[in-house]
Amino acid sequence: MSRLRRGAVAELVWLLESMKKIKFSKKNEIFLRIDNLKNSIARFGTVIQQDVVSVDNTSYPIYSIHLGARRNDVPAIAFVGGVHGLEVIGTEVILSYLETLCHLIEWDRTTHAQLENLKIIFYPCVNPGGIALEQRSNPRGVDLMRNAPVDSKSVSRFFLPGGHRLSPKLPWYRGKAGEPMEQENQTLFRVIKEELWDAPFSLIIDFHSGFGMKDRIWFPFANTAGPFPRVPEILLLKKLFDQTYPHNIYSFEPQSSQYMTHGDFWDFVFLSHQKEKPDNVMIPLCLELGSWIWIKKNPRQIFNSLGFFNPIVPHRQQRTLRRHILLLDFFIRATHSAHHWRGLSMKERDRLFLEAQALWY
């Protein structure tokens, strides 16, 4: 693996730290940080590469940042954020973690060794137009997490949060029936197919916020209460995490245990992958940050357009940015070492499946 130029890494760190001292709005700070990352990463050589994979319909570029191996026969992990334009904390966590990895790449031999046989994709801002407009949906009024061609038989037509086709002026709008997915979703799906589709094992971590008083790790399905086919691997992953970090703060659970929706993008990704690549394992996870904690501590922030979904007070934002590093490190380790822990016999799979049903269903 080629060594990174220390000057380029130092410049990246300086630029990121400078941003912390300037009083921008969240959306401007995010775009400026992405631009600075883009300008610095361009000189990082083969270890880190960035691409503009699309430009949305408000002329904002959408970036995909790649670390590690370029081969398709290695395990892969993707960190995705900014699907909902109001939930900017997810994008901030991703950029902060990318900054941490840049520091490690500069001096840590273990990180270099991992990246020889691991692919990491950072996709920090799925919906830059929504972030710019400070709205949940994309600029066309479509909720990108309700936009995929997956219908649920369990969602009432009167349950608007489950996705509807009434009007883009209402939240949770799915888009018109029969139309293709929105540009943002098509672009993300294309990147997943190019980078993760052929991996023997892949994890996708999608960052959201705004539900409850605790941080939850949701796994599919959102369209049905039925068990997820890869639930034995999910349970095994949970056991590994709980054993390694017994005092962790996270709750693993199927999304359907909280609510169900039409058009869930990750249901669509998983079902498409399982159909085309049944021998490979792809697990999409949603890290749902419990924003009610921040509201409880600072009720006045509900009067801010971003206050329902993000920590507004600076010290709480900083705490959130460092709070999840342990979890993200674990996911990278688990992906890199997947061949050691996920090899299950049929008997073991059946046992774990029954245990998962008793725990979650």
Protein backbone atom coordinates (compact mmCIF):
# COMPACT_ATOMS: atom_id res chain seq x y z
CA MET A 1 0.00 0.00 0.00
CA SER A 2 1.44 3.36 -0.95
CA ARG A 3 2.18 5.77 1.88
CA LEU A 4 0.22 8.99 2.19
CA ARG A 5 2.07 12.24 2.01
CA ARG A 6 2.25 13.67 5.51
CA GLY A 7 1.77 17.18 4.18
CA ALA A 8 -1.55 16.29 2.58
CA VAL A 9 -2.84 14.66 5.76
CA ALA A 10 -1.69 17.60 7.87
CA GLU A 11 -3.47 19.98 5.51
CA LEU A 12 -6.68 17.97 5.79
CA VAL A 13 -6.51 18.00 9.59
CA TRP A 14 -5.81 21.75 9.66
CA LEU A 15 -8.75 22.47 7.36
CA LEU A 16 -11.15 20.34 9.40
CA GLU A 17 -10.03 21.84 12.72
CA SER A 18 -10.34 25.35 11.28
CA MET A 19 -13.98 24.68 10.45
CA LYS A 20 -14.72 23.97 14.10
CA LYS A 21 -13.75 27.55 15.02
CA ILE A 22 -15.99 29.33 12.51
CA LYS A 23 -19.63 30.08 13.34
CA PHE A 24 -21.42 28.81 10.25
CA SER A 25 -24.88 27.33 10.08
CA LYS A 26 -24.82 23.55 10.08
CA LYS A 27 -25.62 23.21 6.40
CA ASN A 28 -22.85 25.63 5.33
CA GLU A 29 -20.35 23.99 7.66
CA ILE A 30 -21.14 20.56 6.21
CA PHE A 31 -20.76 21.66 2.61
CA LEU A 32 -17.54 23.51 3.37
CA ARG A 33 -16.08 20.51 5.18
CA ILE A 34 -16.97 18.25 2.26
CA ASP A 35 -15.35 20.67 -0.18
CA ASN A 36 -12.17 20.79 1.91
CA LEU A 37 -12.10 17.01 2.12
CA LYS A 38 -12.54 16.84 -1.65
CA ASN A 39 -9.65 19.20 -2.30
CA SER A 40 -7.28 17.39 0.07
CA ILE A 41 -8.21 13.79 -0.71
CA ALA A 42 -7.51 14.43 -4.40
CA ARG A 43 -3.79 14.31 -3.51
CA PHE A 44 -3.89 11.29 -1.19
CA GLY A 45 -2.91 8.69 -3.75
CA THR A 46 -4.44 5.21 -3.86
CA VAL A 47 -5.32 4.83 -0.17
CA ILE A 48 -8.13 7.39 -0.25
CA GLN A 49 -10.03 8.35 -3.38
CA GLN A 50 -13.06 10.56 -3.90
CA ASP A 51 -15.50 10.80 -6.77
CA VAL A 52 -18.39 13.07 -7.65
CA VAL A 53 -20.94 10.35 -8.40
CA SER A 54 -23.79 12.71 -9.27
CA VAL A 55 -25.08 16.26 -9.14
CA ASP A 56 -28.56 16.63 -7.70
CA ASN A 57 -31.29 18.81 -9.18
CA THR A 58 -30.16 21.81 -7.15
CA SER A 59 -26.59 21.56 -8.56
CA TYR A 60 -25.07 20.20 -5.33
CA PRO A 61 -22.48 17.46 -5.95
CA ILE A 62 -22.86 14.07 -4.27
CA TYR A 63 -19.56 12.52 -3.16
CA SER A 64 -18.42 8.95 -2.64
CA ILE A 65 -15.13 8.53 -0.74
CA HIS A 66 -13.29 5.22 -0.99
CA LEU A 67 -10.64 3.82 1.37
CA GLY A 68 -8.69 0.62 1.03
CA ALA A 69 -8.78 -2.20 -1.48
CA ARG A 70 -10.28 -1.77 -4.94
CA ARG A 71 -10.93 -5.48 -5.44
CA ASN A 72 -14.45 -6.91 -5.32
CA ASP A 73 -13.48 -10.13 -3.54
CA VAL A 74 -12.83 -8.43 -0.17
CA PRO A 75 -15.37 -7.61 2.57
CA ALA A 76 -16.81 -4.11 2.34
CA ILE A 77 -18.51 -1.59 4.60
CA ALA A 78 -20.32 1.63 3.72
CA PHE A 79 -21.20 4.59 5.95
CA VAL A 80 -24.17 6.52 4.56
CA GLY A 81 -25.66 9.78 5.87
CA GLY A 82 -27.78 12.76 4.98
CA VAL A 83 -30.75 10.84 3.55
CA HIS A 84 -33.10 13.22 5.37
CA GLY A 85 -32.09 16.84 5.02
CA LEU A 86 -32.97 17.79 8.61
CA GLU A 87 -30.90 15.00 10.16
CA VAL A 88 -27.49 16.54 9.58
CA ILE A 89 -25.90 15.01 12.68
CA GLY A 90 -25.46 11.75 10.76
CA THR A 91 -23.38 13.49 8.10
CA GLU A 92 -21.35 15.19 10.82
CA VAL A 93 -20.63 11.87 12.57
CA ILE A 94 -19.47 10.36 9.27
CA LEU A 95 -17.17 13.28 8.45
CA SER A 96 -15.77 13.23 11.99
CA TYR A 97 -15.05 9.51 11.76
CA LEU A 98 -13.41 9.97 8.36
CA GLU A 99 -11.17 12.57 9.99
CA THR A 100 -10.21 9.99 12.64
CA LEU A 101 -9.32 7.41 9.98
CA CYS A 102 -7.19 10.00 8.17
CA HIS A 103 -5.16 10.46 11.36
CA LEU A 104 -4.79 6.69 11.75
CA ILE A 105 -3.74 6.20 8.14
CA GLU A 106 -0.93 8.65 8.70
CA TRP A 107 0.78 6.62 11.44
CA ASP A 108 -1.05 3.37 12.35
CA ARG A 109 0.27 0.20 10.70
CA THR A 110 -2.76 -1.81 11.84
CA THR A 111 -5.07 0.46 9.85
CA HIS A 112 -2.85 0.09 6.78
CA ALA A 113 -2.92 -3.71 7.18
CA GLN A 114 -6.72 -3.69 7.44
CA LEU A 115 -7.11 -1.62 4.31
CA GLU A 116 -5.11 -4.14 2.27
CA ASN A 117 -8.08 -6.53 2.41
CA LEU A 118 -11.02 -4.29 3.23
CA LYS A 119 -13.06 -1.76 1.29
CA ILE A 120 -14.60 1.23 3.13
CA ILE A 121 -17.05 3.57 1.41
CA PHE A 122 -18.05 6.93 2.88
CA TYR A 123 -21.19 8.41 1.35
CA PRO A 124 -21.76 11.33 3.70
CA CYS A 125 -24.52 13.30 1.99
CA VAL A 126 -27.21 11.45 0.01
CA ASN A 127 -29.56 14.45 -0.08
CA PRO A 128 -27.54 17.70 -0.27
CA GLY A 129 -30.52 19.57 -1.73
CA GLY A 130 -32.62 18.68 1.31
CA ILE A 131 -29.85 19.81 3.65
CA ALA A 132 -29.52 23.09 1.75
CA LEU A 133 -33.27 23.70 1.98
CA GLU A 134 -33.42 22.49 5.60
CA GLN A 135 -36.19 20.00 4.87
CA ARG A 136 -36.61 16.27 5.41
CA SER A 137 -37.39 15.44 1.77
CA ASN A 138 -35.34 16.04 -1.34
CA PRO A 139 -36.01 19.27 -3.32
CA ARG A 140 -38.89 17.55 -5.17
CA GLY A 141 -40.66 16.89 -1.88
CA VAL A 142 -40.00 13.13 -1.88
CA ASP A 143 -38.98 11.25 1.27
CA LEU A 144 -36.07 9.14 0.04
CA MET A 145 -36.72 6.47 2.67
CA ARG A 146 -40.25 5.93 1.30
CA ASN A 147 -39.35 6.06 -2.40
CA ALA A 148 -38.21 2.54 -3.32
CA PRO A 149 -40.49 0.12 -5.25
CA VAL A 150 -41.44 -1.95 -2.19
CA ASP A 151 -45.03 -2.01 -0.94
CA SER A 152 -46.14 -3.19 2.47
CA LYS A 153 -49.35 -5.12 3.12
CA SER A 154 -49.09 -4.22 6.80
CA VAL A 155 -49.25 -0.40 6.52
CA SER A 156 -52.64 1.26 6.70
CA ARG A 157 -53.48 3.66 3.86
CA PHE A 158 -54.35 6.23 6.54
CA PHE A 159 -50.94 6.00 8.26
CA LEU A 160 -49.11 8.90 6.61
CA PRO A 161 -45.68 8.21 8.22
CA GLY A 162 -45.76 4.84 6.50
CA GLY A 163 -45.50 6.57 3.13
CA HIS A 164 -48.22 8.02 0.90
CA ARG A 165 -48.77 9.37 -2.62
CA LEU A 166 -51.14 12.23 -1.76
CA SER A 167 -48.95 15.31 -2.21
CA PRO A 168 -45.28 16.37 -1.96
CA LYS A 169 -46.47 19.16 0.33
CA LEU A 170 -47.09 16.55 3.04
CA PRO A 171 -44.22 14.79 4.85
CA TRP A 172 -43.42 11.14 4.04
CA TYR A 173 -44.46 11.52 0.39
CA ARG A 174 -43.37 8.49 -1.69
CA GLY A 175 -43.51 10.01 -5.14
CA LYS A 176 -45.90 9.21 -8.00
CA ALA A 177 -46.81 5.60 -8.63
CA GLY A 178 -44.95 4.05 -11.53
CA GLU A 179 -42.15 6.63 -11.63
CA PRO A 180 -38.52 5.51 -11.18
CA MET A 181 -36.76 6.16 -7.89
CA GLU A 182 -35.52 9.67 -7.25
CA GLN A 183 -32.13 10.64 -8.65
CA GLU A 184 -30.51 10.55 -5.20
CA ASN A 185 -31.65 6.97 -4.59
CA GLN A 186 -30.68 5.83 -8.07
CA THR A 187 -27.19 7.24 -7.55
CA LEU A 188 -26.76 5.59 -4.14
CA PHE A 189 -28.04 2.27 -5.49
CA ARG A 190 -25.58 2.45 -8.39
CA VAL A 191 -22.65 3.06 -6.03
CA ILE A 192 -23.72 0.13 -3.83
CA LYS A 193 -23.91 -2.14 -6.87
CA GLU A 194 -20.50 -1.02 -8.10
CA GLU A 195 -18.69 -1.18 -4.77
CA LEU A 196 -20.45 -3.73 -2.52
CA TRP A 197 -22.52 -6.05 -4.71
CA ASP A 198 -19.84 -8.70 -5.28
CA ALA A 199 -18.30 -8.58 -1.81
CA PRO A 200 -18.53 -11.90 0.07
CA PHE A 201 -19.68 -9.93 3.13
CA SER A 202 -20.83 -6.33 3.36
CA LEU A 203 -22.29 -4.03 6.00
CA ILE A 204 -24.09 -0.75 5.33
CA ILE A 205 -24.58 1.71 8.20
CA ASP A 206 -27.13 4.43 7.48
CA PHE A 207 -27.20 7.31 9.99
CA HIS A 208 -30.51 8.85 11.06
CA SER A 209 -31.84 10.70 14.10
CA GLY A 210 -35.10 11.66 15.72
CA PHE A 211 -36.64 8.63 17.42
CA GLY A 212 -36.83 8.05 21.15
CA MET A 213 -34.59 8.41 24.16
CA LYS A 214 -31.92 5.87 23.20
CA ASP A 215 -29.67 5.02 20.28
CA ARG A 216 -31.02 2.10 18.27
CA ILE A 217 -29.52 -0.14 15.62
CA TRP A 218 -32.34 -1.13 13.29
CA PHE A 219 -32.16 -3.93 10.78
CA PRO A 220 -34.70 -4.86 8.05
CA PHE A 221 -37.50 -5.26 7.45
CA ALA A 222 -39.58 -2.09 7.42
CA ASN A 223 -42.27 -3.47 5.10
CA THR A 224 -43.23 -6.55 7.11
CA ALA A 225 -43.11 -7.89 10.65
CA GLY A 226 -41.73 -11.16 9.34
CA PRO A 227 -38.18 -12.22 10.29
CA PHE A 228 -35.20 -10.94 8.34
CA PRO A 229 -33.50 -13.82 6.42
CA ARG A 230 -30.08 -12.84 7.75
CA VAL A 231 -31.25 -12.58 11.34
CA PRO A 232 -28.84 -15.33 12.51
CA GLU A 233 -25.93 -13.13 11.38
CA ILE A 234 -27.55 -10.11 13.06
CA LEU A 235 -27.90 -11.96 16.35
CA LEU A 236 -24.34 -13.22 16.13
CA LEU A 237 -23.12 -9.69 15.43
CA LYS A 238 -25.07 -8.41 18.44
CA LYS A 239 -23.59 -11.12 20.65
CA LEU A 240 -20.08 -10.25 19.51
CA PHE A 241 -20.65 -6.57 20.26
CA ASP A 242 -22.24 -7.20 23.67
CA GLN A 243 -19.45 -9.58 24.67
CA THR A 244 -16.71 -7.24 23.48
CA TYR A 245 -18.33 -4.07 24.91
CA PRO A 246 -20.71 -5.25 27.67
CA HIS A 247 -21.55 -1.72 28.83
CA ASN A 248 -22.61 -0.37 25.45
CA ILE A 249 -25.61 1.96 25.01
CA TYR A 250 -27.25 0.50 21.89
CA SER A 251 -30.41 -1.48 21.32
CA PHE A 252 -30.46 -3.90 18.36
CA GLU A 253 -33.96 -4.48 16.98
CA PRO A 254 -35.89 -4.94 13.73
CA GLN A 255 -37.32 -1.69 12.43
CA SER A 256 -40.75 -3.32 12.23
CA SER A 257 -40.82 -3.50 16.03
CA GLN A 258 -41.30 0.30 16.04
CA TYR A 259 -43.21 1.01 12.81
CA MET A 260 -43.54 -0.22 9.23
CA THR A 261 -43.41 1.69 5.97
CA HIS A 262 -43.85 1.47 2.23
CA GLY A 263 -40.89 2.06 -0.05
CA ASP A 264 -38.04 1.45 2.38
CA PHE A 265 -34.84 1.87 0.39
CA TRP A 266 -32.80 -0.65 2.40
CA ASP A 267 -35.49 -3.30 2.08
CA PHE A 268 -35.24 -2.80 -1.67
CA VAL A 269 -31.42 -2.99 -1.64
CA PHE A 270 -31.39 -6.17 0.43
CA LEU A 271 -34.09 -7.94 -1.58
CA SER A 272 -32.40 -7.00 -4.87
CA HIS A 273 -29.03 -8.23 -3.64
CA GLN A 274 -30.42 -11.47 -2.23
CA LYS A 275 -32.08 -12.20 -5.57
CA GLU A 276 -28.94 -11.57 -7.61
CA LYS A 277 -26.23 -12.69 -5.14
CA PRO A 278 -27.78 -15.33 -2.84
CA ASP A 279 -24.39 -16.70 -1.77
CA ASN A 280 -23.10 -13.31 -0.57
CA VAL A 281 -24.13 -11.65 2.68
CA MET A 282 -25.27 -8.01 2.71
CA ILE A 283 -26.64 -6.51 5.92
CA PRO A 284 -28.05 -2.95 5.88
CA LEU A 285 -28.29 -1.36 9.33
CA CYS A 286 -29.76 1.95 10.43
CA LEU A 287 -28.18 3.77 13.37
CA GLU A 288 -31.12 5.79 14.70
CA LEU A 289 -29.78 8.39 17.13
CA GLY A 290 -32.25 9.19 19.91
CA SER A 291 -32.77 12.92 19.49
CA TRP A 292 -35.34 13.16 22.28
CA ILE A 293 -32.40 13.08 24.70
CA TRP A 294 -31.16 16.40 23.33
CA ILE A 295 -34.66 17.91 23.44
CA LYS A 296 -35.16 16.78 27.04
CA LYS A 297 -31.95 18.53 28.07
CA ASN A 298 -32.65 21.64 26.00
CA PRO A 299 -36.40 22.01 25.29
CA ARG A 300 -35.92 25.43 23.69
CA GLN A 301 -34.26 23.85 20.67
CA ILE A 302 -37.65 22.69 19.34
CA PHE A 303 -38.01 26.27 18.08
CA ASN A 304 -35.00 25.70 15.79
CA SER A 305 -35.73 24.08 12.40
CA LEU A 306 -33.02 21.48 13.11
CA GLY A 307 -33.75 21.16 16.82
CA PHE A 308 -35.92 18.03 16.66
CA PHE A 309 -33.17 15.98 15.05
CA ASN A 310 -29.77 17.36 16.09
CA PRO A 311 -27.84 18.43 19.18
CA ILE A 312 -27.80 22.21 19.02
CA VAL A 313 -25.68 23.02 22.09
CA PRO A 314 -21.99 22.75 21.05
CA HIS A 315 -20.82 20.48 23.88
CA ARG A 316 -23.62 17.99 23.16
CA GLN A 317 -22.70 17.99 19.49
CA GLN A 318 -19.07 17.24 20.38
CA ARG A 319 -20.17 14.46 22.73
CA THR A 320 -22.25 12.91 19.94
CA LEU A 321 -19.35 13.05 17.48
CA ARG A 322 -17.10 11.07 19.82
CA ARG A 323 -19.81 8.84 21.31
CA HIS A 324 -20.09 6.45 18.34
CA ILE A 325 -16.43 5.93 17.41
CA LEU A 326 -16.29 2.66 19.37
CA LEU A 327 -19.31 1.29 17.50
CA LEU A 328 -17.96 2.28 14.08
CA ASP A 329 -14.57 0.76 14.90
CA PHE A 330 -16.36 -2.45 15.86
CA PHE A 331 -18.28 -2.57 12.59
CA ILE A 332 -15.03 -2.17 10.63
CA ARG A 333 -13.35 -4.93 12.64
CA ALA A 334 -16.37 -7.21 12.26
CA THR A 335 -16.45 -6.64 8.50
CA HIS A 336 -12.73 -7.19 8.08
CA SER A 337 -12.88 -10.42 10.14
CA ALA A 338 -16.26 -11.66 8.90
CA HIS A 339 -14.81 -14.93 7.60
CA HIS A 340 -13.78 -15.80 11.19
CA TRP A 341 -17.16 -15.35 12.86
CA ARG A 342 -19.95 -15.76 10.31
CA GLY A 343 -19.26 -19.32 9.11
CA LEU A 344 -22.35 -21.08 10.46
CA SER A 345 -23.46 -24.65 10.01
CA MET A 346 -27.10 -25.30 9.18
CA LYS A 347 -27.68 -26.50 12.73
CA GLU A 348 -26.14 -23.33 14.19
CA ARG A 349 -28.19 -21.14 11.85
CA ASP A 350 -31.41 -22.90 12.91
CA ARG A 351 -30.55 -22.46 16.58
CA LEU A 352 -29.75 -18.76 16.16
CA PHE A 353 -32.88 -18.24 14.06
CA LEU A 354 -35.08 -19.67 16.83
CA GLU A 355 -33.25 -17.60 19.44
CA ALA A 356 -33.72 -14.43 17.34
CA GLN A 357 -37.43 -15.15 16.92
CA ALA A 358 -37.83 -15.46 20.69
CA LEU A 359 -35.87 -12.23 21.24
CA TRP A 360 -37.32 -9.98 18.52
CA TYR A 361 -40.45 -11.49 17.01
